[in-house]
Amino acid sequence: MERLLFPNLTYTWAMTSLIKRKITTAFGYTMNLPEAQMNEFQYPVHTGLNESILNLTFGHAESLFCNEMLQFEDYDKVVFSYFDPKERRKGAGKSSRRIASGPLSWVHGW
């Protein structure tokens, strides 16, 4: 992120972008935890900071989240007790959501 963002910002007290046009940008997060737990651990606060600096630099930013992702094809081959893989498989990725500053027309299905 540092190499993407900071060369495009001024090093002044009123930090501004050197990019003169708006560029639609986004961070995509695939999460291994439910949305409620993500909120409990304040993830939106931390990811919001990323979105803020992206917005400052490029003029537009969004954060896309997909929760409860599957990590392995076959959970029987892994020492694992974090959740019930059969239950996770039923709803994997369905709790997706978008936190947005505006529309992202190039992301289909959102």
PDB file of N, CA and C in Angstrom:
ATOM      1  N   MET A   1       0.814  -1.183   0.000  1.00  0.00           N
ATOM      2  CA  MET A   1       0.000   0.000   0.000  1.00  0.00           C
ATOM      3  C   MET A   1       0.864   1.256   0.000  1.00  0.00           C
ATOM      4  N   GLU A   2       1.940   1.204   0.725  1.00  0.00           N
ATOM      5  CA  GLU A   2       2.798   2.390   0.833  1.00  0.00           C
ATOM      6  C   GLU A   2       3.277   2.852  -0.537  1.00  0.00           C
ATOM      7  N   ARG A   3       3.724   1.922  -1.376  1.00  0.00           N
ATOM      8  CA  ARG A   3       4.246   2.283  -2.701  1.00  0.00           C
ATOM      9  C   ARG A   3       3.148   2.781  -3.628  1.00  0.00           C
ATOM     10  N   LEU A   4       1.923   2.349  -3.401  1.00  0.00           N
ATOM     11  CA  LEU A   4       0.796   2.800  -4.205  1.00  0.00           C
ATOM     12  C   LEU A   4       0.323   4.187  -3.792  1.00  0.00           C
ATOM     13  N   LEU A   5       0.267   4.420  -2.484  1.00  0.00           N
ATOM     14  CA  LEU A   5      -0.388   5.625  -1.985  1.00  0.00           C
ATOM     15  C   LEU A   5       0.535   6.818  -1.779  1.00  0.00           C
ATOM     16  N   PHE A   6       1.596   6.658  -1.034  1.00  0.00           N
ATOM     17  CA  PHE A   6       2.366   7.811  -0.571  1.00  0.00           C
ATOM     18  C   PHE A   6       3.116   8.591  -1.652  1.00  0.00           C
ATOM     19  N   PRO A   7       3.564   7.989  -2.736  1.00  0.00           N
ATOM     20  CA  PRO A   7       4.188   8.826  -3.788  1.00  0.00           C
ATOM     21  C   PRO A   7       3.197   9.796  -4.443  1.00  0.00           C
ATOM     22  N   ASN A   8       1.905   9.523  -4.263  1.00  0.00           N
ATOM     23  CA  ASN A   8       0.880  10.363  -4.890  1.00  0.00           C
ATOM     24  C   ASN A   8       0.310  11.420  -3.954  1.00  0.00           C
ATOM     25  N   LEU A   9       0.860  11.541  -2.745  1.00  0.00           N
ATOM     26  CA  LEU A   9       0.384  12.527  -1.777  1.00  0.00           C
ATOM     27  C   LEU A   9       1.447  13.589  -1.530  1.00  0.00           C
ATOM     28  N   THR A  10       0.992  14.793  -1.222  1.00  0.00           N
ATOM     29  CA  THR A  10       1.929  15.857  -0.865  1.00  0.00           C
ATOM     30  C   THR A  10       2.368  15.677   0.582  1.00  0.00           C
ATOM     31  N   TYR A  11       3.549  16.082   0.874  1.00  0.00           N
ATOM     32  CA  TYR A  11       4.062  16.042   2.244  1.00  0.00           C
ATOM     33  C   TYR A  11       3.930  17.436   2.842  1.00  0.00           C
ATOM     34  N   THR A  12       2.683  17.835   3.044  1.00  0.00           N
ATOM     35  CA  THR A  12       2.355  19.148   3.597  1.00  0.00           C
ATOM     36  C   THR A  12       1.389  18.936   4.756  1.00  0.00           C
ATOM     37  N   TRP A  13       1.173  19.999   5.566  1.00  0.00           N
ATOM     38  CA  TRP A  13       0.250  19.870   6.692  1.00  0.00           C
ATOM     39  C   TRP A  13      -1.154  19.548   6.220  1.00  0.00           C
ATOM     40  N   ALA A  14      -1.573  20.149   5.132  1.00  0.00           N
ATOM     41  CA  ALA A  14      -2.877  19.837   4.533  1.00  0.00           C
ATOM     42  C   ALA A  14      -2.625  18.842   3.401  1.00  0.00           C
ATOM     43  N   MET A  15      -2.433  17.578   3.762  1.00  0.00           N
ATOM     44  CA  MET A  15      -2.072  16.549   2.781  1.00  0.00           C
ATOM     45  C   MET A  15      -3.122  16.476   1.673  1.00  0.00           C
ATOM     46  N   THR A  16      -2.671  16.555   0.424  1.00  0.00           N
ATOM     47  CA  THR A  16      -3.553  16.452  -0.728  1.00  0.00           C
ATOM     48  C   THR A  16      -2.943  15.501  -1.740  1.00  0.00           C
ATOM     49  N   SER A  17      -3.759  15.113  -2.691  1.00  0.00           N
ATOM     50  CA  SER A  17      -3.314  14.184  -3.718  1.00  0.00           C
ATOM     51  C   SER A  17      -2.691  14.930  -4.892  1.00  0.00           C
ATOM     52  N   LEU A  18      -1.693  14.319  -5.494  1.00  0.00           N
ATOM     53  CA  LEU A  18      -1.097  14.858  -6.716  1.00  0.00           C
ATOM     54  C   LEU A  18      -1.866  14.411  -7.957  1.00  0.00           C
ATOM     55  N   ILE A  19      -2.780  13.476  -7.785  1.00  0.00           N
ATOM     56  CA  ILE A  19      -3.601  12.987  -8.893  1.00  0.00           C
ATOM     57  C   ILE A  19      -4.751  13.959  -9.093  1.00  0.00           C
ATOM     58  N   LYS A  20      -4.894  14.450 -10.294  1.00  0.00           N
ATOM     59  CA  LYS A  20      -5.853  15.517 -10.569  1.00  0.00           C
ATOM     60  C   LYS A  20      -7.222  15.031 -11.033  1.00  0.00           C
ATOM     61  N   ARG A  21      -7.402  13.730 -11.178  1.00  0.00           N
ATOM     62  CA  ARG A  21      -8.718  13.227 -11.575  1.00  0.00           C
ATOM     63  C   ARG A  21      -9.157  12.138 -10.589  1.00  0.00           C
ATOM     64  N   LYS A  22     -10.455  11.880 -10.559  1.00  0.00           N
ATOM     65  CA  LYS A  22     -10.994  10.849  -9.685  1.00  0.00           C
ATOM     66  C   LYS A  22     -10.786   9.478 -10.320  1.00  0.00           C
ATOM     67  N   ILE A  23     -10.246   8.547  -9.555  1.00  0.00           N
ATOM     68  CA  ILE A  23     -10.055   7.168 -10.003  1.00  0.00           C
ATOM     69  C   ILE A  23     -10.815   6.268  -9.036  1.00  0.00           C
ATOM     70  N   THR A  24     -11.752   5.474  -9.559  1.00  0.00           N
ATOM     71  CA  THR A  24     -12.536   4.575  -8.730  1.00  0.00           C
ATOM     72  C   THR A  24     -11.654   3.433  -8.253  1.00  0.00           C
ATOM     73  N   THR A  25     -11.568   3.252  -6.929  1.00  0.00           N
ATOM     74  CA  THR A  25     -10.718   2.229  -6.340  1.00  0.00           C
ATOM     75  C   THR A  25     -11.481   1.461  -5.265  1.00  0.00           C
ATOM     76  N   ALA A  26     -10.941   0.305  -4.885  1.00  0.00           N
ATOM     77  CA  ALA A  26     -11.571  -0.491  -3.827  1.00  0.00           C
ATOM     78  C   ALA A  26     -10.560  -1.448  -3.220  1.00  0.00           C
ATOM     79  N   PHE A  27     -10.804  -1.792  -1.981  1.00  0.00           N
ATOM     80  CA  PHE A  27     -10.112  -2.898  -1.323  1.00  0.00           C
ATOM     81  C   PHE A  27     -11.120  -4.033  -1.232  1.00  0.00           C
ATOM     82  N   GLY A  28     -10.691  -5.242  -1.521  1.00  0.00           N
ATOM     83  CA  GLY A  28     -11.524  -6.425  -1.352  1.00  0.00           C
ATOM     84  C   GLY A  28     -10.973  -7.267  -0.217  1.00  0.00           C
ATOM     85  N   TYR A  29     -11.813  -7.615   0.722  1.00  0.00           N
ATOM     86  CA  TYR A  29     -11.393  -8.404   1.884  1.00  0.00           C
ATOM     87  C   TYR A  29     -12.172  -9.713   1.914  1.00  0.00           C
ATOM     88  N   THR A  30     -11.471 -10.818   1.917  1.00  0.00           N
ATOM     89  CA  THR A  30     -12.094 -12.114   2.151  1.00  0.00           C
ATOM     90  C   THR A  30     -11.791 -12.480   3.597  1.00  0.00           C
ATOM     91  N   MET A  31     -12.844 -12.695   4.355  1.00  0.00           N
ATOM     92  CA  MET A  31     -12.707 -12.871   5.792  1.00  0.00           C
ATOM     93  C   MET A  31     -13.072 -14.306   6.169  1.00  0.00           C
ATOM     94  N   ASN A  32     -12.383 -14.840   7.160  1.00  0.00           N
ATOM     95  CA  ASN A  32     -12.686 -16.175   7.648  1.00  0.00           C
ATOM     96  C   ASN A  32     -13.586 -16.124   8.882  1.00  0.00           C
ATOM     97  N   LEU A  33     -14.183 -15.001   9.161  1.00  0.00           N
ATOM     98  CA  LEU A  33     -15.024 -14.904  10.337  1.00  0.00           C
ATOM     99  C   LEU A  33     -16.371 -14.317   9.954  1.00  0.00           C
ATOM    100  N   PRO A  34     -17.384 -14.581  10.771  1.00  0.00           N
ATOM    101  CA  PRO A  34     -18.711 -14.027  10.487  1.00  0.00           C
ATOM    102  C   PRO A  34     -18.699 -12.504  10.590  1.00  0.00           C
ATOM    103  N   GLU A  35     -19.652 -11.881   9.920  1.00  0.00           N
ATOM    104  CA  GLU A  35     -19.729 -10.427   9.921  1.00  0.00           C
ATOM    105  C   GLU A  35     -19.884  -9.873  11.338  1.00  0.00           C
ATOM    106  N   ALA A  36     -20.683 -10.519  12.170  1.00  0.00           N
ATOM    107  CA  ALA A  36     -20.877 -10.047  13.547  1.00  0.00           C
ATOM    108  C   ALA A  36     -19.562 -10.028  14.313  1.00  0.00           C
ATOM    109  N   GLN A  37     -18.749 -11.054  14.127  1.00  0.00           N
ATOM    110  CA  GLN A  37     -17.460 -11.109  14.819  1.00  0.00           C
ATOM    111  C   GLN A  37     -16.490 -10.075  14.242  1.00  0.00           C
ATOM    112  N   MET A  38     -16.580  -9.845  12.945  1.00  0.00           N
ATOM    113  CA  MET A  38     -15.759  -8.817  12.319  1.00  0.00           C
ATOM    114  C   MET A  38     -16.065  -7.454  12.950  1.00  0.00           C
ATOM    115  N   ASN A  39     -17.340  -7.179  13.166  1.00  0.00           N
ATOM    116  CA  ASN A  39     -17.742  -5.920  13.802  1.00  0.00           C
ATOM    117  C   ASN A  39     -17.319  -5.886  15.267  1.00  0.00           C
ATOM    118  N   GLU A  40     -17.444  -7.016  15.955  1.00  0.00           N
ATOM    119  CA  GLU A  40     -17.046  -7.101  17.360  1.00  0.00           C
ATOM    120  C   GLU A  40     -15.568  -6.761  17.544  1.00  0.00           C
ATOM    121  N   PHE A  41     -14.726  -7.186  16.615  1.00  0.00           N
ATOM    122  CA  PHE A  41     -13.293  -6.919  16.688  1.00  0.00           C
ATOM    123  C   PHE A  41     -12.891  -5.602  16.020  1.00  0.00           C
ATOM    124  N   GLN A  42     -13.881  -4.793  15.650  1.00  0.00           N
ATOM    125  CA  GLN A  42     -13.646  -3.455  15.100  1.00  0.00           C
ATOM    126  C   GLN A  42     -12.931  -3.458  13.744  1.00  0.00           C
ATOM    127  N   TYR A  43     -13.099  -4.490  12.967  1.00  0.00           N
ATOM    128  CA  TYR A  43     -12.480  -4.522  11.643  1.00  0.00           C
ATOM    129  C   TYR A  43     -12.876  -3.317  10.782  1.00  0.00           C
ATOM    130  N   PRO A  44     -14.167  -2.894  10.784  1.00  0.00           N
ATOM    131  CA  PRO A  44     -14.522  -1.751   9.947  1.00  0.00           C
ATOM    132  C   PRO A  44     -13.754  -0.471  10.302  1.00  0.00           C
ATOM    133  N   VAL A  45     -13.367  -0.321  11.551  1.00  0.00           N
ATOM    134  CA  VAL A  45     -12.564   0.842  11.936  1.00  0.00           C
ATOM    135  C   VAL A  45     -11.209   0.774  11.242  1.00  0.00           C
ATOM    136  N   HIS A  46     -10.576  -0.382  11.309  1.00  0.00           N
ATOM    137  CA  HIS A  46      -9.240  -0.548  10.716  1.00  0.00           C
ATOM    138  C   HIS A  46      -9.288  -0.492   9.191  1.00  0.00           C
ATOM    139  N   THR A  47     -10.235  -1.191   8.600  1.00  0.00           N
ATOM    140  CA  THR A  47     -10.334  -1.161   7.138  1.00  0.00           C
ATOM    141  C   THR A  47     -10.800   0.212   6.658  1.00  0.00           C
ATOM    142  N   GLY A  48     -11.547   0.925   7.499  1.00  0.00           N
ATOM    143  CA  GLY A  48     -11.979   2.279   7.167  1.00  0.00           C
ATOM    144  C   GLY A  48     -10.811   3.240   7.032  1.00  0.00           C
ATOM    145  N   LEU A  49      -9.768   3.023   7.835  1.00  0.00           N
ATOM    146  CA  LEU A  49      -8.564   3.854   7.700  1.00  0.00           C
ATOM    147  C   LEU A  49      -7.917   3.635   6.339  1.00  0.00           C
ATOM    148  N   ASN A  50      -7.856   2.367   5.905  1.00  0.00           N
ATOM    149  CA  ASN A  50      -7.322   2.075   4.564  1.00  0.00           C
ATOM    150  C   ASN A  50      -8.155   2.774   3.500  1.00  0.00           C
ATOM    151  N   GLU A  51      -9.475   2.678   3.642  1.00  0.00           N
ATOM    152  CA  GLU A  51     -10.369   3.292   2.665  1.00  0.00           C
ATOM    153  C   GLU A  51     -10.202   4.814   2.648  1.00  0.00           C
ATOM    154  N   SER A  52     -10.013   5.418   3.803  1.00  0.00           N
ATOM    155  CA  SER A  52      -9.846   6.880   3.886  1.00  0.00           C
ATOM    156  C   SER A  52      -8.621   7.360   3.126  1.00  0.00           C
ATOM    157  N   ILE A  53      -7.498   6.676   3.285  1.00  0.00           N
ATOM    158  CA  ILE A  53      -6.273   7.104   2.602  1.00  0.00           C
ATOM    159  C   ILE A  53      -6.379   6.837   1.095  1.00  0.00           C
ATOM    160  N   LEU A  54      -7.066   5.749   0.722  1.00  0.00           N
ATOM    161  CA  LEU A  54      -7.298   5.465  -0.692  1.00  0.00           C
ATOM    162  C   LEU A  54      -8.196   6.546  -1.299  1.00  0.00           C
ATOM    163  N   ASN A  55      -9.207   6.948  -0.553  1.00  0.00           N
ATOM    164  CA  ASN A  55     -10.113   8.007  -1.003  1.00  0.00           C
ATOM    165  C   ASN A  55      -9.384   9.349  -1.131  1.00  0.00           C
ATOM    166  N   LEU A  56      -8.548   9.660  -0.167  1.00  0.00           N
ATOM    167  CA  LEU A  56      -7.764  10.896  -0.230  1.00  0.00           C
ATOM    168  C   LEU A  56      -6.858  10.905  -1.456  1.00  0.00           C
ATOM    169  N   THR A  57      -6.238   9.786  -1.749  1.00  0.00           N
ATOM    170  CA  THR A  57      -5.284   9.698  -2.846  1.00  0.00           C
ATOM    171  C   THR A  57      -5.954   9.703  -4.213  1.00  0.00           C
ATOM    172  N   PHE A  58      -7.028   8.901  -4.370  1.00  0.00           N
ATOM    173  CA  PHE A  58      -7.610   8.695  -5.696  1.00  0.00           C
ATOM    174  C   PHE A  58      -8.986   9.325  -5.892  1.00  0.00           C
ATOM    175  N   GLY A  59      -9.577   9.854  -4.818  1.00  0.00           N
ATOM    176  CA  GLY A  59     -10.846  10.560  -4.957  1.00  0.00           C
ATOM    177  C   GLY A  59     -12.083   9.707  -4.775  1.00  0.00           C
ATOM    178  N   HIS A  60     -11.950   8.399  -4.760  1.00  0.00           N
ATOM    179  CA  HIS A  60     -13.090   7.514  -4.552  1.00  0.00           C
ATOM    180  C   HIS A  60     -12.576   6.167  -4.054  1.00  0.00           C
ATOM    181  N   ALA A  61     -13.232   5.625  -3.034  1.00  0.00           N
ATOM    182  CA  ALA A  61     -12.820   4.322  -2.500  1.00  0.00           C
ATOM    183  C   ALA A  61     -13.999   3.584  -1.919  1.00  0.00           C
ATOM    184  N   GLU A  62     -13.926   2.275  -1.994  1.00  0.00           N
ATOM    185  CA  GLU A  62     -14.913   1.388  -1.386  1.00  0.00           C
ATOM    186  C   GLU A  62     -14.189   0.232  -0.733  1.00  0.00           C
ATOM    187  N   SER A  63     -14.866  -0.389   0.207  1.00  0.00           N
ATOM    188  CA  SER A  63     -14.369  -1.614   0.816  1.00  0.00           C
ATOM    189  C   SER A  63     -15.405  -2.707   0.595  1.00  0.00           C
ATOM    190  N   LEU A  64     -14.976  -3.807   0.041  1.00  0.00           N
ATOM    191  CA  LEU A  64     -15.846  -4.940  -0.231  1.00  0.00           C
ATOM    192  C   LEU A  64     -15.462  -6.078   0.703  1.00  0.00           C
ATOM    193  N   PHE A  65     -16.456  -6.678   1.383  1.00  0.00           N
ATOM    194  CA  PHE A  65     -16.196  -7.748   2.335  1.00  0.00           C
ATOM    195  C   PHE A  65     -16.962  -9.006   1.932  1.00  0.00           C
ATOM    196  N   CYS A  66     -16.327 -10.137   2.053  1.00  0.00           N
ATOM    197  CA  CYS A  66     -16.989 -11.423   1.887  1.00  0.00           C
ATOM    198  C   CYS A  66     -16.595 -12.258   3.102  1.00  0.00           C
ATOM    199  N   ASN A  67     -17.565 -12.552   3.937  1.00  0.00           N
ATOM    200  CA  ASN A  67     -17.310 -13.237   5.203  1.00  0.00           C
ATOM    201  C   ASN A  67     -17.510 -14.740   5.093  1.00  0.00           C
ATOM    202  N   GLU A  68     -16.963 -15.441   6.085  1.00  0.00           N
ATOM    203  CA  GLU A  68     -17.113 -16.892   6.244  1.00  0.00           C
ATOM    204  C   GLU A  68     -16.707 -17.667   4.995  1.00  0.00           C
ATOM    205  N   MET A  69     -15.515 -17.393   4.534  1.00  0.00           N
ATOM    206  CA  MET A  69     -14.992 -18.062   3.347  1.00  0.00           C
ATOM    207  C   MET A  69     -14.491 -19.453   3.686  1.00  0.00           C
ATOM    208  N   LEU A  70     -14.484 -20.323   2.700  1.00  0.00           N
ATOM    209  CA  LEU A  70     -13.901 -21.657   2.856  1.00  0.00           C
ATOM    210  C   LEU A  70     -12.406 -21.564   2.612  1.00  0.00           C
ATOM    211  N   GLN A  71     -11.617 -22.188   3.477  1.00  0.00           N
ATOM    212  CA  GLN A  71     -10.165 -22.151   3.338  1.00  0.00           C
ATOM    213  C   GLN A  71      -9.602 -23.398   2.683  1.00  0.00           C
ATOM    214  N   PHE A  72     -10.283 -24.518   2.822  1.00  0.00           N
ATOM    215  CA  PHE A  72      -9.770 -25.790   2.343  1.00  0.00           C
ATOM    216  C   PHE A  72     -10.862 -26.526   1.575  1.00  0.00           C
ATOM    217  N   GLU A  73     -10.467 -27.294   0.587  1.00  0.00           N
ATOM    218  CA  GLU A  73     -11.411 -28.147  -0.125  1.00  0.00           C
ATOM    219  C   GLU A  73     -11.910 -29.276   0.767  1.00  0.00           C
ATOM    220  N   ASP A  74     -10.993 -29.887   1.511  1.00  0.00           N
ATOM    221  CA  ASP A  74     -11.336 -31.037   2.340  1.00  0.00           C
ATOM    222  C   ASP A  74     -10.866 -30.790   3.776  1.00  0.00           C
ATOM    223  N   TYR A  75     -11.784 -30.417   4.635  1.00  0.00           N
ATOM    224  CA  TYR A  75     -11.449 -30.117   6.031  1.00  0.00           C
ATOM    225  C   TYR A  75     -11.060 -31.366   6.817  1.00  0.00           C
ATOM    226  N   ASP A  76     -11.377 -32.550   6.290  1.00  0.00           N
ATOM    227  CA  ASP A  76     -10.984 -33.799   6.962  1.00  0.00           C
ATOM    228  C   ASP A  76      -9.471 -34.014   6.916  1.00  0.00           C
ATOM    229  N   LYS A  77      -8.784 -33.334   6.026  1.00  0.00           N
ATOM    230  CA  LYS A  77      -7.338 -33.488   5.897  1.00  0.00           C
ATOM    231  C   LYS A  77      -6.563 -32.482   6.739  1.00  0.00           C
ATOM    232  N   VAL A  78      -7.284 -31.677   7.518  1.00  0.00           N
ATOM    233  CA  VAL A  78      -6.664 -30.609   8.290  1.00  0.00           C
ATOM    234  C   VAL A  78      -7.106 -30.716   9.749  1.00  0.00           C
ATOM    235  N   VAL A  79      -6.203 -30.467  10.678  1.00  0.00           N
ATOM    236  CA  VAL A  79      -6.580 -30.395  12.087  1.00  0.00           C
ATOM    237  C   VAL A  79      -7.323 -29.081  12.262  1.00  0.00           C
ATOM    238  N   PHE A  80      -8.611 -29.202  12.543  1.00  0.00           N
ATOM    239  CA  PHE A  80      -9.443 -28.013  12.491  1.00  0.00           C
ATOM    240  C   PHE A  80     -10.649 -28.176  13.399  1.00  0.00           C
ATOM    241  N   SER A  81     -10.901 -27.189  14.265  1.00  0.00           N
ATOM    242  CA  SER A  81     -12.091 -27.217  15.118  1.00  0.00           C
ATOM    243  C   SER A  81     -12.688 -25.816  15.294  1.00  0.00           C
ATOM    244  N   TYR A  82     -12.319 -24.921  14.455  1.00  0.00           N
ATOM    245  CA  TYR A  82     -12.730 -23.518  14.554  1.00  0.00           C
ATOM    246  C   TYR A  82     -14.226 -23.337  14.307  1.00  0.00           C
ATOM    247  N   PHE A  83     -14.795 -24.106  13.379  1.00  0.00           N
ATOM    248  CA  PHE A  83     -16.222 -24.091  13.094  1.00  0.00           C
ATOM    249  C   PHE A  83     -16.584 -25.412  12.442  1.00  0.00           C
ATOM    250  N   ASP A  84     -17.870 -25.634  12.231  1.00  0.00           N
ATOM    251  CA  ASP A  84     -18.344 -26.857  11.581  1.00  0.00           C
ATOM    252  C   ASP A  84     -18.257 -26.667  10.062  1.00  0.00           C
ATOM    253  N   PRO A  85     -17.341 -27.369   9.417  1.00  0.00           N
ATOM    254  CA  PRO A  85     -17.160 -27.187   7.963  1.00  0.00           C
ATOM    255  C   PRO A  85     -18.423 -27.437   7.147  1.00  0.00           C
ATOM    256  N   LYS A  86     -19.269 -28.386   7.577  1.00  0.00           N
ATOM    257  CA  LYS A  86     -20.499 -28.666   6.821  1.00  0.00           C
ATOM    258  C   LYS A  86     -21.447 -27.470   6.875  1.00  0.00           C
ATOM    259  N   GLU A  87     -21.547 -26.860   8.045  1.00  0.00           N
ATOM    260  CA  GLU A  87     -22.391 -25.672   8.172  1.00  0.00           C
ATOM    261  C   GLU A  87     -21.803 -24.497   7.384  1.00  0.00           C
ATOM    262  N   ARG A  88     -20.505 -24.343   7.435  1.00  0.00           N
ATOM    263  CA  ARG A  88     -19.840 -23.246   6.712  1.00  0.00           C
ATOM    264  C   ARG A  88     -20.046 -23.404   5.215  1.00  0.00           C
ATOM    265  N   ARG A  89     -19.932 -24.623   4.725  1.00  0.00           N
ATOM    266  CA  ARG A  89     -20.077 -24.866   3.289  1.00  0.00           C
ATOM    267  C   ARG A  89     -21.465 -24.445   2.796  1.00  0.00           C
ATOM    268  N   LYS A  90     -22.490 -24.608   3.636  1.00  0.00           N
ATOM    269  CA  LYS A  90     -23.854 -24.224   3.253  1.00  0.00           C
ATOM    270  C   LYS A  90     -23.981 -22.727   3.009  1.00  0.00           C
ATOM    271  N   GLY A  91     -23.291 -21.931   3.801  1.00  0.00           N
ATOM    272  CA  GLY A  91     -23.465 -20.490   3.701  1.00  0.00           C
ATOM    273  C   GLY A  91     -22.217 -19.726   3.341  1.00  0.00           C
ATOM    274  N   ALA A  92     -21.196 -20.405   2.854  1.00  0.00           N
ATOM    275  CA  ALA A  92     -19.913 -19.758   2.572  1.00  0.00           C
ATOM    276  C   ALA A  92     -20.061 -18.578   1.632  1.00  0.00           C
ATOM    277  N   GLY A  93     -19.543 -17.450   2.074  1.00  0.00           N
ATOM    278  CA  GLY A  93     -19.516 -16.256   1.248  1.00  0.00           C
ATOM    279  C   GLY A  93     -20.839 -15.546   1.082  1.00  0.00           C
ATOM    280  N   LYS A  94     -21.920 -16.078   1.671  1.00  0.00           N
ATOM    281  CA  LYS A  94     -23.236 -15.480   1.470  1.00  0.00           C
ATOM    282  C   LYS A  94     -23.451 -14.214   2.284  1.00  0.00           C
ATOM    283  N   SER A  95     -22.624 -13.982   3.279  1.00  0.00           N
ATOM    284  CA  SER A  95     -22.811 -12.775   4.083  1.00  0.00           C
ATOM    285  C   SER A  95     -21.985 -11.620   3.533  1.00  0.00           C
ATOM    286  N   SER A  96     -21.755 -11.648   2.236  1.00  0.00           N
ATOM    287  CA  SER A  96     -21.008 -10.566   1.582  1.00  0.00           C
ATOM    288  C   SER A  96     -21.743  -9.250   1.761  1.00  0.00           C
ATOM    289  N   ARG A  97     -20.992  -8.188   1.837  1.00  0.00           N
ATOM    290  CA  ARG A  97     -21.598  -6.871   1.926  1.00  0.00           C
ATOM    291  C   ARG A  97     -20.644  -5.840   1.362  1.00  0.00           C
ATOM    292  N   ARG A  98     -21.151  -4.680   1.131  1.00  0.00           N
ATOM    293  CA  ARG A  98     -20.336  -3.609   0.586  1.00  0.00           C
ATOM    294  C   ARG A  98     -20.464  -2.396   1.486  1.00  0.00           C
ATOM    295  N   ILE A  99     -19.336  -1.828   1.842  1.00  0.00           N
ATOM    296  CA  ILE A  99     -19.302  -0.535   2.510  1.00  0.00           C
ATOM    297  C   ILE A  99     -18.799   0.421   1.446  1.00  0.00           C
ATOM    298  N   ALA A 100     -19.589   1.385   1.077  1.00  0.00           N
ATOM    299  CA  ALA A 100     -19.228   2.148  -0.117  1.00  0.00           C
ATOM    300  C   ALA A 100     -19.340   3.644   0.068  1.00  0.00           C
ATOM    301  N   SER A 101     -18.460   4.340  -0.617  1.00  0.00           N
ATOM    302  CA  SER A 101     -18.552   5.787  -0.726  1.00  0.00           C
ATOM    303  C   SER A 101     -19.387   6.170  -1.943  1.00  0.00           C
ATOM    304  N   GLY A 102     -19.622   5.230  -2.827  1.00  0.00           N
ATOM    305  CA  GLY A 102     -20.380   5.456  -4.057  1.00  0.00           C
ATOM    306  C   GLY A 102     -20.400   4.189  -4.875  1.00  0.00           C
ATOM    307  N   PRO A 103     -21.082   4.188  -6.017  1.00  0.00           N
ATOM    308  CA  PRO A 103     -21.223   2.961  -6.809  1.00  0.00           C
ATOM    309  C   PRO A 103     -19.937   2.572  -7.527  1.00  0.00           C
ATOM    310  N   LEU A 104     -19.758   1.268  -7.628  1.00  0.00           N
ATOM    311  CA  LEU A 104     -18.646   0.725  -8.438  1.00  0.00           C
ATOM    312  C   LEU A 104     -19.285  -0.003  -9.615  1.00  0.00           C
ATOM    313  N   SER A 105     -19.438   0.665 -10.740  1.00  0.00           N
ATOM    314  CA  SER A 105     -20.144   0.085 -11.871  1.00  0.00           C
ATOM    315  C   SER A 105     -19.401  -1.086 -12.496  1.00  0.00           C
ATOM    316  N   TRP A 106     -18.096  -1.166 -12.293  1.00  0.00           N
ATOM    317  CA  TRP A 106     -17.310  -2.227 -12.926  1.00  0.00           C
ATOM    318  C   TRP A 106     -17.301  -3.506 -12.116  1.00  0.00           C
ATOM    319  N   VAL A 107     -17.879  -3.513 -10.923  1.00  0.00           N
ATOM    320  CA  VAL A 107     -17.964  -4.747 -10.132  1.00  0.00           C
ATOM    321  C   VAL A 107     -19.354  -5.321 -10.338  1.00  0.00           C
ATOM    322  N   HIS A 108     -19.449  -6.401 -11.084  1.00  0.00           N
ATOM    323  CA  HIS A 108     -20.741  -6.998 -11.387  1.00  0.00           C
ATOM    324  C   HIS A 108     -21.243  -7.788 -10.194  1.00  0.00           C
ATOM    325  N   GLY A 109     -22.525  -7.747  -9.981  1.00  0.00           N
ATOM    326  CA  GLY A 109     -23.131  -8.512  -8.915  1.00  0.00           C
ATOM    327  C   GLY A 109     -23.211  -7.786  -7.585  1.00  0.00           C
ATOM    328  N   TRP A 110     -22.736  -6.561  -7.506  1.00  0.00           N
ATOM    329  CA  TRP A 110     -22.817  -5.825  -6.234  1.00  0.00           C
ATOM    330  C   TRP A 110     -23.944  -4.839  -6.310  1.00  0.00           C
TER     331      TRP A 110
END
